[in-house]
Amino acid sequence: GIILYQEQVMQIAKVLGNYNLGLADILRRSISDKRKKDVFLHR
């Protein structure tokens, strides 16, 4: 039940946020790099 891997972040975005995996990878990078404007947009 713990979010441990980057791939899990991408899967959650796909299953709960209707992302495709390409956009999910960009979300992962935005969060990992702490790009606040991008994360706000992804929200």
PDB file of all heavy atoms in Angstrom:
ATOM      1  N   GLY A   1       0.785  -1.236   0.000  1.00  0.00           N
ATOM      2  CA  GLY A   1       0.000   0.000   0.000  1.00  0.00           C
ATOM      3  C   GLY A   1       0.812   1.277   0.000  1.00  0.00           C
ATOM      4  O   GLY A   1       0.255   2.373   0.062  1.00  0.00           O
ATOM      5  N   ILE A   2       2.144   1.160  -0.085  1.00  0.00           N
ATOM      6  CA  ILE A   2       3.032   2.333  -0.053  1.00  0.00           C
ATOM      7  C   ILE A   2       3.515   2.656  -1.467  1.00  0.00           C
ATOM      8  O   ILE A   2       3.893   1.764  -2.223  1.00  0.00           O
ATOM      9  CB  ILE A   2       4.233   2.079   0.882  1.00  0.00           C
ATOM     10  CG1 ILE A   2       3.738   2.055   2.333  1.00  0.00           C
ATOM     11  CG2 ILE A   2       5.319   3.151   0.716  1.00  0.00           C
ATOM     12  CD1 ILE A   2       4.738   1.527   3.322  1.00  0.00           C
ATOM     13  N   ILE A   3       3.478   3.951  -1.815  1.00  0.00           N
ATOM     14  CA  ILE A   3       3.972   4.386  -3.126  1.00  0.00           C
ATOM     15  C   ILE A   3       5.496   4.462  -3.041  1.00  0.00           C
ATOM     16  O   ILE A   3       6.065   5.378  -2.461  1.00  0.00           O
ATOM     17  CB  ILE A   3       3.379   5.762  -3.520  1.00  0.00           C
ATOM     18  CG1 ILE A   3       1.853   5.701  -3.539  1.00  0.00           C
ATOM     19  CG2 ILE A   3       3.903   6.202  -4.894  1.00  0.00           C
ATOM     20  CD1 ILE A   3       1.172   7.068  -3.638  1.00  0.00           C
ATOM     21  N   LEU A   4       6.164   3.461  -3.623  1.00  0.00           N
ATOM     22  CA  LEU A   4       7.618   3.345  -3.492  1.00  0.00           C
ATOM     23  C   LEU A   4       8.365   3.594  -4.799  1.00  0.00           C
ATOM     24  O   LEU A   4       9.481   4.103  -4.793  1.00  0.00           O
ATOM     25  CB  LEU A   4       7.961   1.947  -2.959  1.00  0.00           C
ATOM     26  CG  LEU A   4       9.423   1.597  -2.730  1.00  0.00           C
ATOM     27  CD1 LEU A   4      10.064   2.570  -1.729  1.00  0.00           C
ATOM     28  CD2 LEU A   4       9.558   0.162  -2.237  1.00  0.00           C
ATOM     29  N   TYR A   5       7.747   3.242  -5.928  1.00  0.00           N
ATOM     30  CA  TYR A   5       8.446   3.313  -7.213  1.00  0.00           C
ATOM     31  C   TYR A   5       7.862   4.396  -8.123  1.00  0.00           C
ATOM     32  O   TYR A   5       6.667   4.700  -8.065  1.00  0.00           O
ATOM     33  CB  TYR A   5       8.366   1.962  -7.939  1.00  0.00           C
ATOM     34  CG  TYR A   5       8.860   0.799  -7.134  1.00  0.00           C
ATOM     35  CD1 TYR A   5       7.993  -0.221  -6.752  1.00  0.00           C
ATOM     36  CD2 TYR A   5      10.193   0.723  -6.742  1.00  0.00           C
ATOM     37  CE1 TYR A   5       8.444  -1.301  -6.009  1.00  0.00           C
ATOM     38  CE2 TYR A   5      10.652  -0.350  -5.988  1.00  0.00           C
ATOM     39  CZ  TYR A   5       9.773  -1.359  -5.622  1.00  0.00           C
ATOM     40  OH  TYR A   5      10.226  -2.410  -4.879  1.00  0.00           O
ATOM     41  N   GLN A   6       8.716   4.936  -8.970  1.00  0.00           N
ATOM     42  CA  GLN A   6       8.289   5.948  -9.941  1.00  0.00           C
ATOM     43  C   GLN A   6       7.227   5.383 -10.884  1.00  0.00           C
ATOM     44  O   GLN A   6       6.296   6.077 -11.270  1.00  0.00           O
ATOM     45  CB  GLN A   6       9.497   6.427 -10.753  1.00  0.00           C
ATOM     46  CG  GLN A   6      10.503   7.211  -9.943  1.00  0.00           C
ATOM     47  CD  GLN A   6      11.769   7.526 -10.722  1.00  0.00           C
ATOM     48  OE1 GLN A   6      11.961   7.051 -11.833  1.00  0.00           O
ATOM     49  NE2 GLN A   6      12.636   8.320 -10.129  1.00  0.00           N
ATOM     50  N   GLU A   7       7.362   4.107 -11.240  1.00  0.00           N
ATOM     51  CA  GLU A   7       6.400   3.475 -12.136  1.00  0.00           C
ATOM     52  C   GLU A   7       5.007   3.412 -11.509  1.00  0.00           C
ATOM     53  O   GLU A   7       3.999   3.457 -12.220  1.00  0.00           O
ATOM     54  CB  GLU A   7       6.862   2.067 -12.513  1.00  0.00           C
ATOM     55  CG  GLU A   7       8.067   2.027 -13.445  1.00  0.00           C
ATOM     56  CD  GLU A   7       9.405   2.068 -12.729  1.00  0.00           C
ATOM     57  OE1 GLU A   7       9.441   2.503 -11.553  1.00  0.00           O
ATOM     58  OE2 GLU A   7      10.421   1.693 -13.327  1.00  0.00           O
ATOM     59  N   GLN A   8       4.946   3.314 -10.167  1.00  0.00           N
ATOM     60  CA  GLN A   8       3.646   3.307  -9.483  1.00  0.00           C
ATOM     61  C   GLN A   8       2.960   4.656  -9.603  1.00  0.00           C
ATOM     62  O   GLN A   8       1.748   4.728  -9.757  1.00  0.00           O
ATOM     63  CB  GLN A   8       3.845   2.925  -8.009  1.00  0.00           C
ATOM     64  CG  GLN A   8       4.189   1.464  -7.802  1.00  0.00           C
ATOM     65  CD  GLN A   8       4.492   1.148  -6.353  1.00  0.00           C
ATOM     66  OE1 GLN A   8       5.196   1.898  -5.672  1.00  0.00           O
ATOM     67  NE2 GLN A   8       3.975   0.030  -5.856  1.00  0.00           N
ATOM     68  N   VAL A   9       3.755   5.726  -9.538  1.00  0.00           N
ATOM     69  CA  VAL A   9       3.212   7.075  -9.722  1.00  0.00           C
ATOM     70  C   VAL A   9       2.569   7.182 -11.105  1.00  0.00           C
ATOM     71  O   VAL A   9       1.462   7.700 -11.262  1.00  0.00           O
ATOM     72  CB  VAL A   9       4.322   8.144  -9.563  1.00  0.00           C
ATOM     73  CG1 VAL A   9       3.805   9.531  -9.930  1.00  0.00           C
ATOM     74  CG2 VAL A   9       4.865   8.144  -8.146  1.00  0.00           C
ATOM     75  N   MET A  10       3.267   6.664 -12.107  1.00  0.00           N
ATOM     76  CA  MET A  10       2.756   6.711 -13.478  1.00  0.00           C
ATOM     77  C   MET A  10       1.476   5.879 -13.622  1.00  0.00           C
ATOM     78  O   MET A  10       0.519   6.290 -14.291  1.00  0.00           O
ATOM     79  CB  MET A  10       3.833   6.225 -14.447  1.00  0.00           C
ATOM     80  CG  MET A  10       5.035   7.155 -14.522  1.00  0.00           C
ATOM     81  SD  MET A  10       6.441   6.416 -15.387  1.00  0.00           S
ATOM     82  CE  MET A  10       5.785   6.284 -17.046  1.00  0.00           C
ATOM     83  N   GLN A  11       1.451   4.706 -12.983  1.00  0.00           N
ATOM     84  CA  GLN A  11       0.260   3.857 -13.059  1.00  0.00           C
ATOM     85  C   GLN A  11      -0.944   4.499 -12.381  1.00  0.00           C
ATOM     86  O   GLN A  11      -2.064   4.424 -12.886  1.00  0.00           O
ATOM     87  CB  GLN A  11       0.552   2.498 -12.401  1.00  0.00           C
ATOM     88  CG  GLN A  11       1.400   1.576 -13.256  1.00  0.00           C
ATOM     89  CD  GLN A  11       1.673   0.264 -12.536  1.00  0.00           C
ATOM     90  OE1 GLN A  11       2.369   0.235 -11.518  1.00  0.00           O
ATOM     91  NE2 GLN A  11       1.127  -0.817 -13.044  1.00  0.00           N
ATOM     92  N   ILE A  12      -0.711   5.145 -11.232  1.00  0.00           N
ATOM     93  CA  ILE A  12      -1.807   5.821 -10.520  1.00  0.00           C
ATOM     94  C   ILE A  12      -2.368   6.945 -11.382  1.00  0.00           C
ATOM     95  O   ILE A  12      -3.592   7.125 -11.482  1.00  0.00           O
ATOM     96  CB  ILE A  12      -1.328   6.366  -9.156  1.00  0.00           C
ATOM     97  CG1 ILE A  12      -1.005   5.208  -8.208  1.00  0.00           C
ATOM     98  CG2 ILE A  12      -2.388   7.276  -8.521  1.00  0.00           C
ATOM     99  CD1 ILE A  12      -0.277   5.615  -6.937  1.00  0.00           C
ATOM    100  N   ALA A  13      -1.470   7.693 -12.028  1.00  0.00           N
ATOM    101  CA  ALA A  13      -1.913   8.786 -12.909  1.00  0.00           C
ATOM    102  C   ALA A  13      -2.764   8.244 -14.051  1.00  0.00           C
ATOM    103  O   ALA A  13      -3.758   8.852 -14.447  1.00  0.00           O
ATOM    104  CB  ALA A  13      -0.697   9.537 -13.450  1.00  0.00           C
ATOM    105  N   LYS A  14      -2.399   7.078 -14.561  1.00  0.00           N
ATOM    106  CA  LYS A  14      -3.136   6.462 -15.672  1.00  0.00           C
ATOM    107  C   LYS A  14      -4.503   5.947 -15.214  1.00  0.00           C
ATOM    108  O   LYS A  14      -5.531   6.197 -15.853  1.00  0.00           O
ATOM    109  CB  LYS A  14      -2.304   5.314 -16.252  1.00  0.00           C
ATOM    110  CG  LYS A  14      -2.912   4.643 -17.482  1.00  0.00           C
ATOM    111  CD  LYS A  14      -1.944   3.593 -18.025  1.00  0.00           C
ATOM    112  CE  LYS A  14      -2.464   2.982 -19.324  1.00  0.00           C
ATOM    113  NZ  LYS A  14      -3.608   2.086 -19.092  1.00  0.00           N
ATOM    114  N   VAL A  15      -4.521   5.245 -14.080  1.00  0.00           N
ATOM    115  CA  VAL A  15      -5.744   4.577 -13.619  1.00  0.00           C
ATOM    116  C   VAL A  15      -6.733   5.543 -12.978  1.00  0.00           C
ATOM    117  O   VAL A  15      -7.936   5.426 -13.184  1.00  0.00           O
ATOM    118  CB  VAL A  15      -5.366   3.441 -12.629  1.00  0.00           C
ATOM    119  CG1 VAL A  15      -6.598   2.864 -11.966  1.00  0.00           C
ATOM    120  CG2 VAL A  15      -4.613   2.349 -13.360  1.00  0.00           C
ATOM    121  N   LEU A  16      -6.211   6.522 -12.223  1.00  0.00           N
ATOM    122  CA  LEU A  16      -7.118   7.435 -11.512  1.00  0.00           C
ATOM    123  C   LEU A  16      -7.251   8.803 -12.182  1.00  0.00           C
ATOM    124  O   LEU A  16      -8.212   9.519 -11.924  1.00  0.00           O
ATOM    125  CB  LEU A  16      -6.633   7.636 -10.068  1.00  0.00           C
ATOM    126  CG  LEU A  16      -7.284   6.730  -9.033  1.00  0.00           C
ATOM    127  CD1 LEU A  16      -6.730   5.319  -9.167  1.00  0.00           C
ATOM    128  CD2 LEU A  16      -7.052   7.241  -7.623  1.00  0.00           C
ATOM    129  N   GLY A  17      -6.278   9.172 -13.039  1.00  0.00           N
ATOM    130  CA  GLY A  17      -6.312  10.504 -13.646  1.00  0.00           C
ATOM    131  C   GLY A  17      -6.507  10.503 -15.145  1.00  0.00           C
ATOM    132  O   GLY A  17      -6.421  11.554 -15.780  1.00  0.00           O
ATOM    133  N   ASN A  18      -6.712   9.290 -15.727  1.00  0.00           N
ATOM    134  CA  ASN A  18      -6.953   9.163 -17.171  1.00  0.00           C
ATOM    135  C   ASN A  18      -5.770   9.654 -18.012  1.00  0.00           C
ATOM    136  O   ASN A  18      -5.941  10.123 -19.131  1.00  0.00           O
ATOM    137  CB  ASN A  18      -8.235   9.907 -17.575  1.00  0.00           C
ATOM    138  CG  ASN A  18      -8.810   9.390 -18.878  1.00  0.00           C
ATOM    139  OD1 ASN A  18      -8.726   8.199 -19.181  1.00  0.00           O
ATOM    140  ND2 ASN A  18      -9.389  10.276 -19.666  1.00  0.00           N
ATOM    141  N   TYR A  19      -4.556   9.563 -17.469  1.00  0.00           N
ATOM    142  CA  TYR A  19      -3.339   9.966 -18.194  1.00  0.00           C
ATOM    143  C   TYR A  19      -2.957   8.871 -19.190  1.00  0.00           C
ATOM    144  O   TYR A  19      -3.205   7.684 -18.947  1.00  0.00           O
ATOM    145  CB  TYR A  19      -2.169  10.124 -17.222  1.00  0.00           C
ATOM    146  CG  TYR A  19      -2.066  11.469 -16.530  1.00  0.00           C
ATOM    147  CD1 TYR A  19      -3.100  11.981 -15.764  1.00  0.00           C
ATOM    148  CD2 TYR A  19      -0.893  12.217 -16.621  1.00  0.00           C
ATOM    149  CE1 TYR A  19      -2.989  13.192 -15.101  1.00  0.00           C
ATOM    150  CE2 TYR A  19      -0.762  13.437 -15.967  1.00  0.00           C
ATOM    151  CZ  TYR A  19      -1.814  13.916 -15.213  1.00  0.00           C
ATOM    152  OH  TYR A  19      -1.683  15.124 -14.565  1.00  0.00           O
ATOM    153  N   ASN A  20      -2.294   9.261 -20.290  1.00  0.00           N
ATOM    154  CA  ASN A  20      -1.559   8.249 -21.044  1.00  0.00           C
ATOM    155  C   ASN A  20      -0.166   8.153 -20.399  1.00  0.00           C
ATOM    156  O   ASN A  20       0.229   9.031 -19.634  1.00  0.00           O
ATOM    157  CB  ASN A  20      -1.489   8.575 -22.542  1.00  0.00           C
ATOM    158  CG  ASN A  20      -0.760   9.891 -22.824  1.00  0.00           C
ATOM    159  OD1 ASN A  20       0.306  10.161 -22.283  1.00  0.00           O
ATOM    160  ND2 ASN A  20      -1.347  10.721 -23.671  1.00  0.00           N
ATOM    161  N   LEU A  21       0.590   7.104 -20.708  1.00  0.00           N
ATOM    162  CA  LEU A  21       1.854   6.873 -19.997  1.00  0.00           C
ATOM    163  C   LEU A  21       2.924   7.917 -20.327  1.00  0.00           C
ATOM    164  O   LEU A  21       3.793   8.194 -19.519  1.00  0.00           O
ATOM    165  CB  LEU A  21       2.374   5.460 -20.272  1.00  0.00           C
ATOM    166  CG  LEU A  21       1.583   4.346 -19.570  1.00  0.00           C
ATOM    167  CD1 LEU A  21       2.102   2.988 -19.980  1.00  0.00           C
ATOM    168  CD2 LEU A  21       1.633   4.489 -18.061  1.00  0.00           C
ATOM    169  N   GLY A  22       2.836   8.506 -21.522  1.00  0.00           N
ATOM    170  CA  GLY A  22       3.787   9.570 -21.874  1.00  0.00           C
ATOM    171  C   GLY A  22       3.604  10.783 -20.984  1.00  0.00           C
ATOM    172  O   GLY A  22       4.564  11.342 -20.438  1.00  0.00           O
ATOM    173  N   LEU A  23       2.347  11.194 -20.799  1.00  0.00           N
ATOM    174  CA  LEU A  23       2.048  12.344 -19.937  1.00  0.00           C
ATOM    175  C   LEU A  23       2.310  11.994 -18.478  1.00  0.00           C
ATOM    176  O   LEU A  23       2.763  12.840 -17.696  1.00  0.00           O
ATOM    177  CB  LEU A  23       0.584  12.767 -20.128  1.00  0.00           C
ATOM    178  CG  LEU A  23       0.158  14.093 -19.469  1.00  0.00           C
ATOM    179  CD1 LEU A  23       0.978  15.261 -20.015  1.00  0.00           C
ATOM    180  CD2 LEU A  23      -1.333  14.348 -19.690  1.00  0.00           C
ATOM    181  N   ALA A  24       2.068  10.731 -18.105  1.00  0.00           N
ATOM    182  CA  ALA A  24       2.332  10.283 -16.734  1.00  0.00           C
ATOM    183  C   ALA A  24       3.816  10.383 -16.403  1.00  0.00           C
ATOM    184  O   ALA A  24       4.198  10.708 -15.276  1.00  0.00           O
ATOM    185  CB  ALA A  24       1.842   8.851 -16.545  1.00  0.00           C
ATOM    186  N   ASP A  25       4.669  10.122 -17.392  1.00  0.00           N
ATOM    187  CA  ASP A  25       6.114  10.234 -17.183  1.00  0.00           C
ATOM    188  C   ASP A  25       6.518  11.691 -16.958  1.00  0.00           C
ATOM    189  O   ASP A  25       7.394  11.992 -16.151  1.00  0.00           O
ATOM    190  CB  ASP A  25       6.867   9.651 -18.383  1.00  0.00           C
ATOM    191  CG  ASP A  25       8.376   9.585 -18.139  1.00  0.00           C
ATOM    192  OD1 ASP A  25       8.773   9.166 -17.043  1.00  0.00           O
ATOM    193  OD2 ASP A  25       9.133   9.965 -19.038  1.00  0.00           O
ATOM    194  N   ILE A  26       5.858  12.602 -17.675  1.00  0.00           N
ATOM    195  CA  ILE A  26       6.132  14.036 -17.485  1.00  0.00           C
ATOM    196  C   ILE A  26       5.692  14.477 -16.089  1.00  0.00           C
ATOM    197  O   ILE A  26       6.372  15.254 -15.421  1.00  0.00           O
ATOM    198  CB  ILE A  26       5.436  14.875 -18.584  1.00  0.00           C
ATOM    199  CG1 ILE A  26       6.131  14.618 -19.933  1.00  0.00           C
ATOM    200  CG2 ILE A  26       5.470  16.362 -18.252  1.00  0.00           C
ATOM    201  CD1 ILE A  26       5.453  15.254 -21.121  1.00  0.00           C
ATOM    202  N   LEU A  27       4.539  13.951 -15.630  1.00  0.00           N
ATOM    203  CA  LEU A  27       4.074  14.230 -14.258  1.00  0.00           C
ATOM    204  C   LEU A  27       5.119  13.751 -13.247  1.00  0.00           C
ATOM    205  O   LEU A  27       5.472  14.477 -12.315  1.00  0.00           O
ATOM    206  CB  LEU A  27       2.740  13.527 -14.012  1.00  0.00           C
ATOM    207  CG  LEU A  27       2.287  13.424 -12.547  1.00  0.00           C
ATOM    208  CD1 LEU A  27       2.011  14.798 -11.958  1.00  0.00           C
ATOM    209  CD2 LEU A  27       1.053  12.535 -12.413  1.00  0.00           C
ATOM    210  N   ARG A  28       5.617  12.520 -13.440  1.00  0.00           N
ATOM    211  CA  ARG A  28       6.629  11.965 -12.537  1.00  0.00           C
ATOM    212  C   ARG A  28       7.854  12.862 -12.458  1.00  0.00           C
ATOM    213  O   ARG A  28       8.355  13.162 -11.374  1.00  0.00           O
ATOM    214  CB  ARG A  28       7.030  10.568 -13.023  1.00  0.00           C
ATOM    215  CG  ARG A  28       8.171   9.949 -12.242  1.00  0.00           C
ATOM    216  CD  ARG A  28       8.756   8.757 -12.963  1.00  0.00           C
ATOM    217  NE  ARG A  28       9.388   9.098 -14.231  1.00  0.00           N
ATOM    218  CZ  ARG A  28      10.595   9.641 -14.346  1.00  0.00           C
ATOM    219  NH1 ARG A  28      11.291   9.953 -13.276  1.00  0.00           N
ATOM    220  NH2 ARG A  28      11.104   9.898 -15.530  1.00  0.00           N
ATOM    221  N   ARG A  29       8.317  13.314 -13.629  1.00  0.00           N
ATOM    222  CA  ARG A  29       9.496  14.183 -13.663  1.00  0.00           C
ATOM    223  C   ARG A  29       9.221  15.519 -12.964  1.00  0.00           C
ATOM    224  O   ARG A  29      10.062  16.038 -12.240  1.00  0.00           O
ATOM    225  CB  ARG A  29       9.909  14.460 -15.112  1.00  0.00           C
ATOM    226  CG  ARG A  29      10.649  13.326 -15.765  1.00  0.00           C
ATOM    227  CD  ARG A  29      11.233  13.773 -17.075  1.00  0.00           C
ATOM    228  NE  ARG A  29      12.056  12.756 -17.694  1.00  0.00           N
ATOM    229  CZ  ARG A  29      12.935  12.995 -18.654  1.00  0.00           C
ATOM    230  NH1 ARG A  29      13.113  14.223 -19.104  1.00  0.00           N
ATOM    231  NH2 ARG A  29      13.642  12.017 -19.177  1.00  0.00           N
ATOM    232  N   SER A  30       8.039  16.074 -13.200  1.00  0.00           N
ATOM    233  CA  SER A  30       7.679  17.373 -12.609  1.00  0.00           C
ATOM    234  C   SER A  30       7.696  17.303 -11.087  1.00  0.00           C
ATOM    235  O   SER A  30       8.195  18.204 -10.414  1.00  0.00           O
ATOM    236  CB  SER A  30       6.291  17.817 -13.094  1.00  0.00           C
ATOM    237  OG  SER A  30       6.282  17.971 -14.490  1.00  0.00           O
ATOM    238  N   ILE A  31       7.142  16.199 -10.540  1.00  0.00           N
ATOM    239  CA  ILE A  31       7.109  16.039  -9.087  1.00  0.00           C
ATOM    240  C   ILE A  31       8.514  15.780  -8.540  1.00  0.00           C
ATOM    241  O   ILE A  31       8.926  16.384  -7.545  1.00  0.00           O
ATOM    242  CB  ILE A  31       6.146  14.899  -8.685  1.00  0.00           C
ATOM    243  CG1 ILE A  31       4.713  15.248  -9.085  1.00  0.00           C
ATOM    244  CG2 ILE A  31       6.216  14.653  -7.186  1.00  0.00           C
ATOM    245  CD1 ILE A  31       3.712  14.129  -8.871  1.00  0.00           C
ATOM    246  N   SER A  32       9.263  14.893  -9.206  1.00  0.00           N
ATOM    247  CA  SER A  32      10.622  14.560  -8.745  1.00  0.00           C
ATOM    248  C   SER A  32      11.531  15.778  -8.752  1.00  0.00           C
ATOM    249  O   SER A  32      12.356  15.959  -7.856  1.00  0.00           O
ATOM    250  CB  SER A  32      11.224  13.467  -9.632  1.00  0.00           C
ATOM    251  OG  SER A  32      10.501  12.274  -9.513  1.00  0.00           O
ATOM    252  N   ASP A  33      11.385  16.637  -9.778  1.00  0.00           N
ATOM    253  CA  ASP A  33      12.219  17.835  -9.899  1.00  0.00           C
ATOM    254  C   ASP A  33      11.664  19.024  -9.128  1.00  0.00           C
ATOM    255  O   ASP A  33      12.222  20.120  -9.165  1.00  0.00           O
ATOM    256  CB  ASP A  33      12.378  18.227 -11.377  1.00  0.00           C
ATOM    257  CG  ASP A  33      13.114  17.158 -12.175  1.00  0.00           C
ATOM    258  OD1 ASP A  33      13.783  16.323 -11.542  1.00  0.00           O
ATOM    259  OD2 ASP A  33      13.012  17.154 -13.412  1.00  0.00           O
ATOM    260  N   LYS A  34      10.500  18.791  -8.447  1.00  0.00           N
ATOM    261  CA  LYS A  34       9.848  19.833  -7.629  1.00  0.00           C
ATOM    262  C   LYS A  34       9.573  21.105  -8.435  1.00  0.00           C
ATOM    263  O   LYS A  34       9.802  22.223  -7.963  1.00  0.00           O
ATOM    264  CB  LYS A  34      10.694  20.139  -6.386  1.00  0.00           C
ATOM    265  CG  LYS A  34      10.784  18.965  -5.432  1.00  0.00           C
ATOM    266  CD  LYS A  34      11.648  19.284  -4.229  1.00  0.00           C
ATOM    267  CE  LYS A  34      11.590  18.173  -3.197  1.00  0.00           C
ATOM    268  NZ  LYS A  34      12.056  16.874  -3.672  1.00  0.00           N
ATOM    269  N   ARG A  35       9.047  20.927  -9.660  1.00  0.00           N
ATOM    270  CA  ARG A  35       8.659  22.072 -10.492  1.00  0.00           C
ATOM    271  C   ARG A  35       7.229  22.464 -10.131  1.00  0.00           C
ATOM    272  O   ARG A  35       6.256  21.889 -10.640  1.00  0.00           O
ATOM    273  CB  ARG A  35       8.792  21.716 -11.973  1.00  0.00           C
ATOM    274  CG  ARG A  35      10.220  21.364 -12.392  1.00  0.00           C
ATOM    275  CD  ARG A  35      10.406  21.468 -13.896  1.00  0.00           C
ATOM    276  NE  ARG A  35       9.646  20.504 -14.631  1.00  0.00           N
ATOM    277  CZ  ARG A  35      10.140  19.354 -15.117  1.00  0.00           C
ATOM    278  NH1 ARG A  35      11.407  19.039 -14.908  1.00  0.00           N
ATOM    279  NH2 ARG A  35       9.373  18.525 -15.794  1.00  0.00           N
ATOM    280  N   LYS A  36       7.090  23.421  -9.226  1.00  0.00           N
ATOM    281  CA  LYS A  36       5.799  23.739  -8.604  1.00  0.00           C
ATOM    282  C   LYS A  36       4.727  24.157  -9.610  1.00  0.00           C
ATOM    283  O   LYS A  36       3.565  23.744  -9.510  1.00  0.00           O
ATOM    284  CB  LYS A  36       5.990  24.848  -7.562  1.00  0.00           C
ATOM    285  CG  LYS A  36       6.734  24.375  -6.328  1.00  0.00           C
ATOM    286  CD  LYS A  36       6.831  25.465  -5.282  1.00  0.00           C
ATOM    287  CE  LYS A  36       7.587  24.973  -4.054  1.00  0.00           C
ATOM    288  NZ  LYS A  36       7.712  26.048  -3.022  1.00  0.00           N
ATOM    289  N   LYS A  37       5.102  24.980 -10.599  1.00  0.00           N
ATOM    290  CA  LYS A  37       4.125  25.430 -11.599  1.00  0.00           C
ATOM    291  C   LYS A  37       3.581  24.248 -12.395  1.00  0.00           C
ATOM    292  O   LYS A  37       2.376  24.170 -12.668  1.00  0.00           O
ATOM    293  CB  LYS A  37       4.767  26.460 -12.535  1.00  0.00           C
ATOM    294  CG  LYS A  37       4.989  27.817 -11.900  1.00  0.00           C
ATOM    295  CD  LYS A  37       5.570  28.813 -12.908  1.00  0.00           C
ATOM    296  CE  LYS A  37       5.793  30.171 -12.267  1.00  0.00           C
ATOM    297  NZ  LYS A  37       6.397  31.134 -13.226  1.00  0.00           N
ATOM    298  N   ASP A  38       4.473  23.347 -12.783  1.00  0.00           N
ATOM    299  CA  ASP A  38       4.063  22.169 -13.563  1.00  0.00           C
ATOM    300  C   ASP A  38       3.186  21.240 -12.729  1.00  0.00           C
ATOM    301  O   ASP A  38       2.190  20.702 -13.222  1.00  0.00           O
ATOM    302  CB  ASP A  38       5.295  21.409 -14.060  1.00  0.00           C
ATOM    303  CG  ASP A  38       6.064  22.188 -15.119  1.00  0.00           C
ATOM    304  OD1 ASP A  38       5.507  23.151 -15.671  1.00  0.00           O
ATOM    305  OD2 ASP A  38       7.233  21.833 -15.382  1.00  0.00           O
ATOM    306  N   VAL A  39       3.547  21.062 -11.448  1.00  0.00           N
ATOM    307  CA  VAL A  39       2.764  20.191 -10.565  1.00  0.00           C
ATOM    308  C   VAL A  39       1.365  20.768 -10.366  1.00  0.00           C
ATOM    309  O   VAL A  39       0.363  20.036 -10.380  1.00  0.00           O
ATOM    310  CB  VAL A  39       3.475  20.003  -9.202  1.00  0.00           C
ATOM    311  CG1 VAL A  39       2.586  19.224  -8.228  1.00  0.00           C
ATOM    312  CG2 VAL A  39       4.802  19.270  -9.388  1.00  0.00           C
ATOM    313  N   PHE A  40       1.269  22.094 -10.220  1.00  0.00           N
ATOM    314  CA  PHE A  40      -0.021  22.764 -10.069  1.00  0.00           C
ATOM    315  C   PHE A  40      -0.895  22.524 -11.307  1.00  0.00           C
ATOM    316  O   PHE A  40      -2.097  22.255 -11.195  1.00  0.00           O
ATOM    317  CB  PHE A  40       0.193  24.268  -9.855  1.00  0.00           C
ATOM    318  CG  PHE A  40      -1.086  25.046  -9.663  1.00  0.00           C
ATOM    319  CD1 PHE A  40      -1.794  24.970  -8.473  1.00  0.00           C
ATOM    320  CD2 PHE A  40      -1.589  25.840 -10.693  1.00  0.00           C
ATOM    321  CE1 PHE A  40      -2.981  25.685  -8.301  1.00  0.00           C
ATOM    322  CE2 PHE A  40      -2.770  26.547 -10.524  1.00  0.00           C
ATOM    323  CZ  PHE A  40      -3.472  26.470  -9.327  1.00  0.00           C
ATOM    324  N   LEU A  41      -0.283  22.602 -12.484  1.00  0.00           N
ATOM    325  CA  LEU A  41      -1.005  22.354 -13.734  1.00  0.00           C
ATOM    326  C   LEU A  41      -1.477  20.902 -13.804  1.00  0.00           C
ATOM    327  O   LEU A  41      -2.619  20.625 -14.189  1.00  0.00           O
ATOM    328  CB  LEU A  41      -0.096  22.672 -14.925  1.00  0.00           C
ATOM    329  CG  LEU A  41      -0.654  22.409 -16.325  1.00  0.00           C
ATOM    330  CD1 LEU A  41      -1.862  23.315 -16.604  1.00  0.00           C
ATOM    331  CD2 LEU A  41       0.409  22.634 -17.399  1.00  0.00           C
ATOM    332  N   HIS A  42      -0.612  19.966 -13.392  1.00  0.00           N
ATOM    333  CA  HIS A  42      -0.966  18.540 -13.419  1.00  0.00           C
ATOM    334  C   HIS A  42      -2.073  18.214 -12.428  1.00  0.00           C
ATOM    335  O   HIS A  42      -2.862  17.289 -12.661  1.00  0.00           O
ATOM    336  CB  HIS A  42       0.261  17.674 -13.155  1.00  0.00           C
ATOM    337  CG  HIS A  42       1.114  17.462 -14.355  1.00  0.00           C
ATOM    338  ND1 HIS A  42       0.726  16.638 -15.387  1.00  0.00           N
ATOM    339  CD2 HIS A  42       2.316  17.982 -14.721  1.00  0.00           C
ATOM    340  CE1 HIS A  42       1.654  16.642 -16.324  1.00  0.00           C
ATOM    341  NE2 HIS A  42       2.630  17.448 -15.948  1.00  0.00           N
ATOM    342  N   ARG A  43      -2.142  18.957 -11.338  1.00  0.00           N
ATOM    343  CA  ARG A  43      -3.229  18.752 -10.375  1.00  0.00           C
ATOM    344  C   ARG A  43      -4.584  18.967 -11.051  1.00  0.00           C
ATOM    345  O   ARG A  43      -5.542  18.213 -10.839  1.00  0.00           O
ATOM    346  CB  ARG A  43      -3.050  19.701  -9.183  1.00  0.00           C
ATOM    347  CG  ARG A  43      -4.057  19.489  -8.058  1.00  0.00           C
ATOM    348  CD  ARG A  43      -3.763  20.453  -6.914  1.00  0.00           C
ATOM    349  NE  ARG A  43      -2.603  20.023  -6.160  1.00  0.00           N
ATOM    350  CZ  ARG A  43      -2.651  19.184  -5.136  1.00  0.00           C
ATOM    351  NH1 ARG A  43      -3.811  18.685  -4.752  1.00  0.00           N
ATOM    352  NH2 ARG A  43      -1.564  18.847  -4.495  1.00  0.00           N
TER     353      ARG A  43
END
